[in-house]
Amino acid sequence: MEVAKAYRVKKYEHRFNPEMLQKVESAHTTLMLSQLSARVKGKGVSKDVAYADQEPLFPWRPKRWDATPKVIMVIGAMQLGMVAYGFQQPALSKTIFCGLIGIAANVMKQNAILPPPKDPEMATEEESGRASRNFVRGFLLGALATIAGTLVFSLPEVLVSQAKMTLPTIPGMPNIIVSMKILGAALFNWVMTSFYY
């Protein structure tokens, strides 16, 4: 991955110098061939490389990737603010705001992990559509987290209605059921943004 990035950078730096561009191409080819021969001999092959030709079962699933501590704290504070506001004035629209925070954070994280090309002319075919794919994936991760959090934290409401009970009222909290759904959306979005991509 780093070799490919360095190759693209060097190729871009020497795009107007055919002689240096040829040297960069030659060095890259030599490096790739040496790595290939090492893999063929079975030396130092990681599982990612050894099984690279096998498609994962769910390639679109969220993958583990920890955000920086600063991002974790900032997004956590934003979601916590939404939860506090949701407990004071419960409304299901606040779950949407939690989702929007999660979507924005996930899109930024996607762009940090797989940055869109700075120069579209030098972009490979895979890189050219990266910005739109990052947005779609960030949107889907935020939407998934919002829906999952709302559904999971709706279980108390379902259980109470099935048991024909009433939830205890807490002074100062007008609607604990809606507040729990906001908490679920915020918590799931924070976890998704902090630890997955």
C-alpha atoms as a PDB file:
ATOM      1  CA  MET A   1       0.000   0.000   0.000  1.00  0.00           C
ATOM      2  CA  GLU A   2       2.789   2.420   0.920  1.00  0.00           C
ATOM      3  CA  VAL A   3       4.777   1.396  -2.145  1.00  0.00           C
ATOM      4  CA  ALA A   4       1.817   2.193  -4.371  1.00  0.00           C
ATOM      5  CA  LYS A   5       1.361   5.569  -2.700  1.00  0.00           C
ATOM      6  CA  ALA A   6       5.056   6.438  -3.038  1.00  0.00           C
ATOM      7  CA  TYR A   7       4.943   5.300  -6.651  1.00  0.00           C
ATOM      8  CA  ARG A   8       1.993   7.574  -7.422  1.00  0.00           C
ATOM      9  CA  VAL A   9       3.658  10.513  -5.675  1.00  0.00           C
ATOM     10  CA  LYS A  10       6.931  10.058  -7.547  1.00  0.00           C
ATOM     11  CA  LYS A  11       5.097   9.573 -10.804  1.00  0.00           C
ATOM     12  CA  TYR A  12       3.227  12.802 -10.206  1.00  0.00           C
ATOM     13  CA  GLU A  13       6.381  14.697  -9.207  1.00  0.00           C
ATOM     14  CA  HIS A  14       8.185  13.702 -12.397  1.00  0.00           C
ATOM     15  CA  ARG A  15       5.237  13.842 -14.783  1.00  0.00           C
ATOM     16  CA  PHE A  16       6.998  16.396 -16.994  1.00  0.00           C
ATOM     17  CA  ASN A  17      10.391  14.671 -16.931  1.00  0.00           C
ATOM     18  CA  PRO A  18      10.280  11.539 -19.120  1.00  0.00           C
ATOM     19  CA  GLU A  19      13.768  10.430 -18.101  1.00  0.00           C
ATOM     20  CA  MET A  20      12.987  10.448 -14.368  1.00  0.00           C
ATOM     21  CA  LEU A  21       9.566   8.982 -15.029  1.00  0.00           C
ATOM     22  CA  GLN A  22      11.245   6.041 -16.763  1.00  0.00           C
ATOM     23  CA  LYS A  23      13.529   5.545 -13.733  1.00  0.00           C
ATOM     24  CA  VAL A  24      10.540   5.602 -11.378  1.00  0.00           C
ATOM     25  CA  GLU A  25       8.740   3.052 -13.561  1.00  0.00           C
ATOM     26  CA  SER A  26      11.825   0.841 -13.660  1.00  0.00           C
ATOM     27  CA  ALA A  27      12.320   0.989  -9.887  1.00  0.00           C
ATOM     28  CA  HIS A  28       8.665   0.206  -9.300  1.00  0.00           C
ATOM     29  CA  THR A  29       8.773  -2.751 -11.674  1.00  0.00           C
ATOM     30  CA  THR A  30      11.886  -4.122  -9.983  1.00  0.00           C
ATOM     31  CA  LEU A  31      10.301  -3.767  -6.566  1.00  0.00           C
ATOM     32  CA  MET A  32       7.072  -5.441  -7.648  1.00  0.00           C
ATOM     33  CA  LEU A  33       8.923  -8.335  -9.285  1.00  0.00           C
ATOM     34  CA  SER A  34      11.048  -8.914  -6.185  1.00  0.00           C
ATOM     35  CA  GLN A  35       7.932  -8.947  -4.011  1.00  0.00           C
ATOM     36  CA  LEU A  36       6.249 -11.350  -6.413  1.00  0.00           C
ATOM     37  CA  SER A  37       9.183 -13.743  -6.423  1.00  0.00           C
ATOM     38  CA  ALA A  38       9.268 -13.661  -2.606  1.00  0.00           C
ATOM     39  CA  ARG A  39       5.560 -14.489  -2.494  1.00  0.00           C
ATOM     40  CA  VAL A  40       5.976 -17.324  -4.972  1.00  0.00           C
ATOM     41  CA  LYS A  41       8.694 -18.782  -2.750  1.00  0.00           C
ATOM     42  CA  GLY A  42       6.378 -18.400   0.258  1.00  0.00           C
ATOM     43  CA  LYS A  43       8.569 -15.965   2.165  1.00  0.00           C
ATOM     44  CA  GLY A  44       6.899 -13.452   4.453  1.00  0.00           C
ATOM     45  CA  VAL A  45       3.424 -13.749   3.042  1.00  0.00           C
ATOM     46  CA  SER A  46       0.702 -12.349   5.259  1.00  0.00           C
ATOM     47  CA  LYS A  47      -2.805 -13.798   5.271  1.00  0.00           C
ATOM     48  CA  ASP A  48      -4.089 -10.724   3.450  1.00  0.00           C
ATOM     49  CA  VAL A  49      -1.718 -11.419   0.574  1.00  0.00           C
ATOM     50  CA  ALA A  50      -2.006 -15.198   0.635  1.00  0.00           C
ATOM     51  CA  TYR A  51      -5.786 -15.095   0.382  1.00  0.00           C
ATOM     52  CA  ALA A  52      -6.102 -11.907  -1.653  1.00  0.00           C
ATOM     53  CA  ASP A  53      -7.820 -13.737  -4.491  1.00  0.00           C
ATOM     54  CA  GLN A  54     -10.639 -14.941  -2.232  1.00  0.00           C
ATOM     55  CA  GLU A  55     -13.608 -12.637  -1.896  1.00  0.00           C
ATOM     56  CA  PRO A  56     -14.702 -12.061   1.713  1.00  0.00           C
ATOM     57  CA  LEU A  57     -18.160 -13.293   2.640  1.00  0.00           C
ATOM     58  CA  PHE A  58     -19.566  -9.786   3.154  1.00  0.00           C
ATOM     59  CA  PRO A  59     -17.184  -7.291   1.519  1.00  0.00           C
ATOM     60  CA  TRP A  60     -19.389  -4.320   2.390  1.00  0.00           C
ATOM     61  CA  ARG A  61     -19.570  -5.054   6.124  1.00  0.00           C
ATOM     62  CA  PRO A  62     -18.154  -2.512   8.586  1.00  0.00           C
ATOM     63  CA  LYS A  63     -14.493  -3.198   9.237  1.00  0.00           C
ATOM     64  CA  ARG A  64     -12.579  -2.492  12.420  1.00  0.00           C
ATOM     65  CA  TRP A  65     -10.563   0.740  12.340  1.00  0.00           C
ATOM     66  CA  ASP A  66      -9.987   2.857  15.420  1.00  0.00           C
ATOM     67  CA  ALA A  67     -10.308   6.600  15.050  1.00  0.00           C
ATOM     68  CA  THR A  68      -7.853   8.938  16.699  1.00  0.00           C
ATOM     69  CA  PRO A  69      -8.535   9.745  20.363  1.00  0.00           C
ATOM     70  CA  LYS A  70      -9.359  13.339  19.411  1.00  0.00           C
ATOM     71  CA  VAL A  71     -12.041  12.205  16.955  1.00  0.00           C
ATOM     72  CA  ILE A  72     -13.441   9.757  19.497  1.00  0.00           C
ATOM     73  CA  MET A  73     -13.737  12.498  22.117  1.00  0.00           C
ATOM     74  CA  VAL A  74     -15.148  15.155  19.776  1.00  0.00           C
ATOM     75  CA  ILE A  75     -17.783  12.866  18.268  1.00  0.00           C
ATOM     76  CA  GLY A  76     -18.548  11.486  21.726  1.00  0.00           C
ATOM     77  CA  ALA A  77     -19.084  15.000  23.059  1.00  0.00           C
ATOM     78  CA  MET A  78     -21.351  15.899  20.142  1.00  0.00           C
ATOM     79  CA  GLN A  79     -23.430  12.747  20.576  1.00  0.00           C
ATOM     80  CA  LEU A  80     -23.542  13.265  24.342  1.00  0.00           C
ATOM     81  CA  GLY A  81     -24.845  16.779  23.756  1.00  0.00           C
ATOM     82  CA  MET A  82     -27.602  15.386  21.543  1.00  0.00           C
ATOM     83  CA  VAL A  83     -28.491  12.832  24.226  1.00  0.00           C
ATOM     84  CA  ALA A  84     -28.660  15.516  26.914  1.00  0.00           C
ATOM     85  CA  TYR A  85     -30.841  17.662  24.683  1.00  0.00           C
ATOM     86  CA  GLY A  86     -32.964  14.616  23.849  1.00  0.00           C
ATOM     87  CA  PHE A  87     -33.553  13.822  27.500  1.00  0.00           C
ATOM     88  CA  GLN A  88     -34.710  17.389  28.147  1.00  0.00           C
ATOM     89  CA  GLN A  89     -36.913  17.695  25.073  1.00  0.00           C
ATOM     90  CA  PRO A  90     -37.536  14.223  23.679  1.00  0.00           C
ATOM     91  CA  ALA A  91     -38.481  13.998  20.019  1.00  0.00           C
ATOM     92  CA  LEU A  92     -37.626  11.313  17.492  1.00  0.00           C
ATOM     93  CA  SER A  93     -36.186  13.969  15.197  1.00  0.00           C
ATOM     94  CA  LYS A  94     -33.156  14.058  17.478  1.00  0.00           C
ATOM     95  CA  THR A  95     -32.302  10.512  16.399  1.00  0.00           C
ATOM     96  CA  ILE A  96     -31.993  11.948  12.894  1.00  0.00           C
ATOM     97  CA  PHE A  97     -29.596  14.605  14.178  1.00  0.00           C
ATOM     98  CA  CYS A  98     -27.546  11.868  15.871  1.00  0.00           C
ATOM     99  CA  GLY A  99     -27.520  10.081  12.530  1.00  0.00           C
ATOM    100  CA  LEU A 100     -26.416  13.222  10.687  1.00  0.00           C
ATOM    101  CA  ILE A 101     -23.528  13.677  13.106  1.00  0.00           C
ATOM    102  CA  GLY A 102     -22.607  10.035  12.550  1.00  0.00           C
ATOM    103  CA  ILE A 103     -22.869  10.351   8.765  1.00  0.00           C
ATOM    104  CA  ALA A 104     -20.672  13.460   8.677  1.00  0.00           C
ATOM    105  CA  ALA A 105     -18.080  11.851  10.934  1.00  0.00           C
ATOM    106  CA  ASN A 106     -18.094   8.608   8.949  1.00  0.00           C
ATOM    107  CA  VAL A 107     -17.655  10.429   5.639  1.00  0.00           C
ATOM    108  CA  MET A 108     -14.717  12.374   7.076  1.00  0.00           C
ATOM    109  CA  LYS A 109     -13.220   9.146   8.405  1.00  0.00           C
ATOM    110  CA  GLN A 110     -13.684   7.425   5.037  1.00  0.00           C
ATOM    111  CA  ASN A 111     -11.924  10.317   3.318  1.00  0.00           C
ATOM    112  CA  ALA A 112      -9.074  10.104   5.825  1.00  0.00           C
ATOM    113  CA  ILE A 113      -8.645   6.356   5.315  1.00  0.00           C
ATOM    114  CA  LEU A 114      -9.106   6.345   1.539  1.00  0.00           C
ATOM    115  CA  PRO A 115      -8.463   9.924   0.431  1.00  0.00           C
ATOM    116  CA  PRO A 116      -9.897  11.081  -2.869  1.00  0.00           C
ATOM    117  CA  PRO A 117      -7.263  12.008  -5.449  1.00  0.00           C
ATOM    118  CA  LYS A 118      -5.924  15.542  -5.313  1.00  0.00           C
ATOM    119  CA  ASP A 119      -5.217  15.576  -9.020  1.00  0.00           C
ATOM    120  CA  PRO A 120      -8.011  13.900 -11.005  1.00  0.00           C
ATOM    121  CA  GLU A 121      -5.790  13.632 -14.083  1.00  0.00           C
ATOM    122  CA  MET A 122      -3.303  11.395 -12.266  1.00  0.00           C
ATOM    123  CA  ALA A 123      -5.989   9.281 -10.589  1.00  0.00           C
ATOM    124  CA  THR A 124      -6.329   5.632 -11.395  1.00  0.00           C
ATOM    125  CA  GLU A 125      -9.715   4.240 -12.328  1.00  0.00           C
ATOM    126  CA  GLU A 126     -10.216   2.999  -8.774  1.00  0.00           C
ATOM    127  CA  GLU A 127      -9.303   6.377  -7.270  1.00  0.00           C
ATOM    128  CA  SER A 128     -11.499   8.433  -9.571  1.00  0.00           C
ATOM    129  CA  GLY A 129     -14.765   7.347  -7.955  1.00  0.00           C
ATOM    130  CA  ARG A 130     -13.431   7.206  -4.423  1.00  0.00           C
ATOM    131  CA  ALA A 131     -15.055  10.419  -3.148  1.00  0.00           C
ATOM    132  CA  SER A 132     -18.545   9.290  -4.075  1.00  0.00           C
ATOM    133  CA  ARG A 133     -17.936   5.796  -2.687  1.00  0.00           C
ATOM    134  CA  ASN A 134     -16.653   7.313   0.559  1.00  0.00           C
ATOM    135  CA  PHE A 135     -19.797   9.421   0.851  1.00  0.00           C
ATOM    136  CA  VAL A 136     -22.123   6.497   0.155  1.00  0.00           C
ATOM    137  CA  ARG A 137     -20.306   4.232   2.618  1.00  0.00           C
ATOM    138  CA  GLY A 138     -20.266   6.946   5.297  1.00  0.00           C
ATOM    139  CA  PHE A 139     -23.962   7.587   4.743  1.00  0.00           C
ATOM    140  CA  LEU A 140     -24.804   3.891   4.968  1.00  0.00           C
ATOM    141  CA  LEU A 141     -22.722   3.414   8.129  1.00  0.00           C
ATOM    142  CA  GLY A 142     -24.447   6.365   9.802  1.00  0.00           C
ATOM    143  CA  ALA A 143     -27.893   5.225   8.698  1.00  0.00           C
ATOM    144  CA  LEU A 144     -27.192   1.653   9.825  1.00  0.00           C
ATOM    145  CA  ALA A 145     -26.004   2.835  13.232  1.00  0.00           C
ATOM    146  CA  THR A 146     -29.009   5.125  13.671  1.00  0.00           C
ATOM    147  CA  ILE A 147     -31.543   2.463  12.729  1.00  0.00           C
ATOM    148  CA  ALA A 148     -29.839  -0.266  14.769  1.00  0.00           C
ATOM    149  CA  GLY A 149     -29.503   1.958  17.832  1.00  0.00           C
ATOM    150  CA  THR A 150     -33.106   3.082  17.635  1.00  0.00           C
ATOM    151  CA  LEU A 151     -34.364  -0.484  17.229  1.00  0.00           C
ATOM    152  CA  VAL A 152     -32.240  -1.968  20.004  1.00  0.00           C
ATOM    153  CA  PHE A 153     -33.219   0.758  22.431  1.00  0.00           C
ATOM    154  CA  SER A 154     -36.881   0.281  21.458  1.00  0.00           C
ATOM    155  CA  LEU A 155     -36.857  -3.157  23.085  1.00  0.00           C
ATOM    156  CA  PRO A 156     -37.915  -1.827  26.515  1.00  0.00           C
ATOM    157  CA  GLU A 157     -40.981  -0.279  24.896  1.00  0.00           C
ATOM    158  CA  VAL A 158     -41.860  -3.580  23.216  1.00  0.00           C
ATOM    159  CA  LEU A 159     -41.311  -5.569  26.395  1.00  0.00           C
ATOM    160  CA  VAL A 160     -43.395  -3.169  28.458  1.00  0.00           C
ATOM    161  CA  SER A 161     -46.250  -3.247  25.963  1.00  0.00           C
ATOM    162  CA  GLN A 162     -46.139  -7.061  25.761  1.00  0.00           C
ATOM    163  CA  ALA A 163     -46.188  -7.369  29.540  1.00  0.00           C
ATOM    164  CA  LYS A 164     -48.911  -4.697  29.786  1.00  0.00           C
ATOM    165  CA  MET A 165     -46.882  -2.743  32.293  1.00  0.00           C
ATOM    166  CA  THR A 166     -46.056   0.905  32.611  1.00  0.00           C
ATOM    167  CA  LEU A 167     -42.584   2.306  32.788  1.00  0.00           C
ATOM    168  CA  PRO A 168     -41.733   4.313  35.851  1.00  0.00           C
ATOM    169  CA  THR A 169     -41.713   8.038  35.302  1.00  0.00           C
ATOM    170  CA  ILE A 170     -38.620   9.967  36.170  1.00  0.00           C
ATOM    171  CA  PRO A 171     -39.135  13.538  37.329  1.00  0.00           C
ATOM    172  CA  GLY A 172     -37.823  16.005  34.783  1.00  0.00           C
ATOM    173  CA  MET A 173     -37.927  13.501  31.897  1.00  0.00           C
ATOM    174  CA  PRO A 174     -41.130  13.852  29.922  1.00  0.00           C
ATOM    175  CA  ASN A 175     -40.818  10.765  27.693  1.00  0.00           C
ATOM    176  CA  ILE A 176     -38.257   8.160  28.668  1.00  0.00           C
ATOM    177  CA  ILE A 177     -39.110   5.880  25.712  1.00  0.00           C
ATOM    178  CA  VAL A 178     -38.172   8.490  23.113  1.00  0.00           C
ATOM    179  CA  SER A 179     -35.141   9.528  25.138  1.00  0.00           C
ATOM    180  CA  MET A 180     -33.905   5.923  25.131  1.00  0.00           C
ATOM    181  CA  LYS A 181     -34.185   5.788  21.334  1.00  0.00           C
ATOM    182  CA  ILE A 182     -32.119   8.973  21.080  1.00  0.00           C
ATOM    183  CA  LEU A 183     -29.563   7.426  23.424  1.00  0.00           C
ATOM    184  CA  GLY A 184     -29.432   4.297  21.259  1.00  0.00           C
ATOM    185  CA  ALA A 185     -28.931   6.241  18.037  1.00  0.00           C
ATOM    186  CA  ALA A 186     -26.216   8.383  19.611  1.00  0.00           C
ATOM    187  CA  LEU A 187     -24.406   5.443  21.202  1.00  0.00           C
ATOM    188  CA  PHE A 188     -24.429   3.289  18.073  1.00  0.00           C
ATOM    189  CA  ASN A 189     -23.278   6.213  15.905  1.00  0.00           C
ATOM    190  CA  TRP A 190     -20.458   6.984  18.319  1.00  0.00           C
ATOM    191  CA  VAL A 191     -19.310   3.352  18.320  1.00  0.00           C
ATOM    192  CA  MET A 192     -19.531   3.114  14.525  1.00  0.00           C
ATOM    193  CA  THR A 193     -17.608   6.347  14.011  1.00  0.00           C
ATOM    194  CA  SER A 194     -14.988   5.581  16.636  1.00  0.00           C
ATOM    195  CA  PHE A 195     -14.183   1.971  15.878  1.00  0.00           C
ATOM    196  CA  TYR A 196     -15.377   1.022  12.378  1.00  0.00           C
ATOM    197  CA  TYR A 197     -15.179   2.207   8.794  1.00  0.00           C
END
